[in-house]
């Protein structure tokens, strides 16, 4: 099985449709060797340059 995690349910439904994960389960879609699930909210966010290195200042 391959796990695919999307940012929100609507995106996961679109991905699941394309890859053939057509069986809806509780919190995920399954099929064709895939599990497609989702989170609620952003999976990643930008980090300020000085968070990487204090020598770098933001403008």
C-alpha atoms as a PDB file:
ATOM      1  CA  UNK A   1       0.000   0.000   0.000  1.00  0.00           C
ATOM      2  CA  UNK A   2       1.044   3.565  -0.724  1.00  0.00           C
ATOM      3  CA  UNK A   3      -0.155   6.292   1.641  1.00  0.00           C
ATOM      4  CA  UNK A   4      -1.034   9.675   0.162  1.00  0.00           C
ATOM      5  CA  UNK A   5      -1.786  12.537   2.559  1.00  0.00           C
ATOM      6  CA  UNK A   6      -3.545  15.640   1.256  1.00  0.00           C
ATOM      7  CA  UNK A   7      -4.101  18.993   2.930  1.00  0.00           C
ATOM      8  CA  UNK A   8      -7.889  18.783   3.022  1.00  0.00           C
ATOM      9  CA  UNK A   9     -10.725  16.377   2.156  1.00  0.00           C
ATOM     10  CA  UNK A  10     -11.604  17.961  -1.191  1.00  0.00           C
ATOM     11  CA  UNK A  11      -8.028  17.583  -2.442  1.00  0.00           C
ATOM     12  CA  UNK A  12      -7.846  13.981  -1.231  1.00  0.00           C
ATOM     13  CA  UNK A  13     -11.086  13.154  -3.065  1.00  0.00           C
ATOM     14  CA  UNK A  14      -9.644  14.524  -6.306  1.00  0.00           C
ATOM     15  CA  UNK A  15      -6.407  12.573  -5.863  1.00  0.00           C
ATOM     16  CA  UNK A  16      -8.290   9.390  -4.946  1.00  0.00           C
ATOM     17  CA  UNK A  17     -10.429   9.655  -8.069  1.00  0.00           C
ATOM     18  CA  UNK A  18      -7.370   9.954 -10.325  1.00  0.00           C
ATOM     19  CA  UNK A  19      -5.442   7.053  -8.757  1.00  0.00           C
ATOM     20  CA  UNK A  20      -8.445   4.747  -8.402  1.00  0.00           C
ATOM     21  CA  UNK A  21      -8.914   4.746  -4.627  1.00  0.00           C
ATOM     22  CA  UNK A  22     -12.687   4.539  -4.847  1.00  0.00           C
ATOM     23  CA  UNK A  23     -13.702   2.862  -1.577  1.00  0.00           C
ATOM     24  CA  UNK A  24     -14.560   5.341   1.162  1.00  0.00           C
ATOM     25  CA  UNK A  25     -13.550   4.357   4.686  1.00  0.00           C
ATOM     26  CA  UNK A  26     -13.655   6.244   8.005  1.00  0.00           C
ATOM     27  CA  UNK A  27     -11.100   9.038   7.435  1.00  0.00           C
ATOM     28  CA  UNK A  28      -9.578   7.786   4.190  1.00  0.00           C
ATOM     29  CA  UNK A  29     -10.184   6.444   0.693  1.00  0.00           C
ATOM     30  CA  UNK A  30      -8.805   3.070  -0.362  1.00  0.00           C
ATOM     31  CA  UNK A  31      -8.225   1.174  -3.589  1.00  0.00           C
ATOM     32  CA  UNK A  32      -5.804   0.240  -6.339  1.00  0.00           C
ATOM     33  CA  UNK A  33      -2.955  -0.165  -3.806  1.00  0.00           C
ATOM     34  CA  UNK A  34      -3.438   3.298  -2.254  1.00  0.00           C
ATOM     35  CA  UNK A  35      -4.711   4.806   0.974  1.00  0.00           C
ATOM     36  CA  UNK A  36      -5.592   8.477   0.579  1.00  0.00           C
ATOM     37  CA  UNK A  37      -6.173  10.501   3.724  1.00  0.00           C
ATOM     38  CA  UNK A  38      -6.233  14.167   4.664  1.00  0.00           C
ATOM     39  CA  UNK A  39      -5.408  16.653   7.364  1.00  0.00           C
ATOM     40  CA  UNK A  40      -7.273  19.767   8.330  1.00  0.00           C
ATOM     41  CA  UNK A  41      -5.082  22.830   7.899  1.00  0.00           C
ATOM     42  CA  UNK A  42      -1.733  23.492   6.329  1.00  0.00           C
ATOM     43  CA  UNK A  43       0.865  20.726   6.205  1.00  0.00           C
ATOM     44  CA  UNK A  44       3.764  23.148   5.867  1.00  0.00           C
ATOM     45  CA  UNK A  45       4.431  26.825   6.346  1.00  0.00           C
ATOM     46  CA  UNK A  46       7.139  29.299   5.479  1.00  0.00           C
ATOM     47  CA  UNK A  47       9.877  29.910   7.997  1.00  0.00           C
ATOM     48  CA  UNK A  48      11.649  33.245   8.343  1.00  0.00           C
ATOM     49  CA  UNK A  49      15.311  33.203   7.215  1.00  0.00           C
ATOM     50  CA  UNK A  50      16.588  34.155  10.674  1.00  0.00           C
ATOM     51  CA  UNK A  51      14.927  30.983  12.043  1.00  0.00           C
ATOM     52  CA  UNK A  52      17.474  29.036   9.991  1.00  0.00           C
ATOM     53  CA  UNK A  53      20.438  31.195  10.899  1.00  0.00           C
ATOM     54  CA  UNK A  54      20.466  34.165  13.282  1.00  0.00           C
ATOM     55  CA  UNK A  55      23.034  35.888  11.062  1.00  0.00           C
ATOM     56  CA  UNK A  56      20.358  36.349   8.421  1.00  0.00           C
ATOM     57  CA  UNK A  57      17.945  39.189   9.130  1.00  0.00           C
ATOM     58  CA  UNK A  58      14.574  39.669   7.509  1.00  0.00           C
ATOM     59  CA  UNK A  59      13.858  42.960   5.806  1.00  0.00           C
END
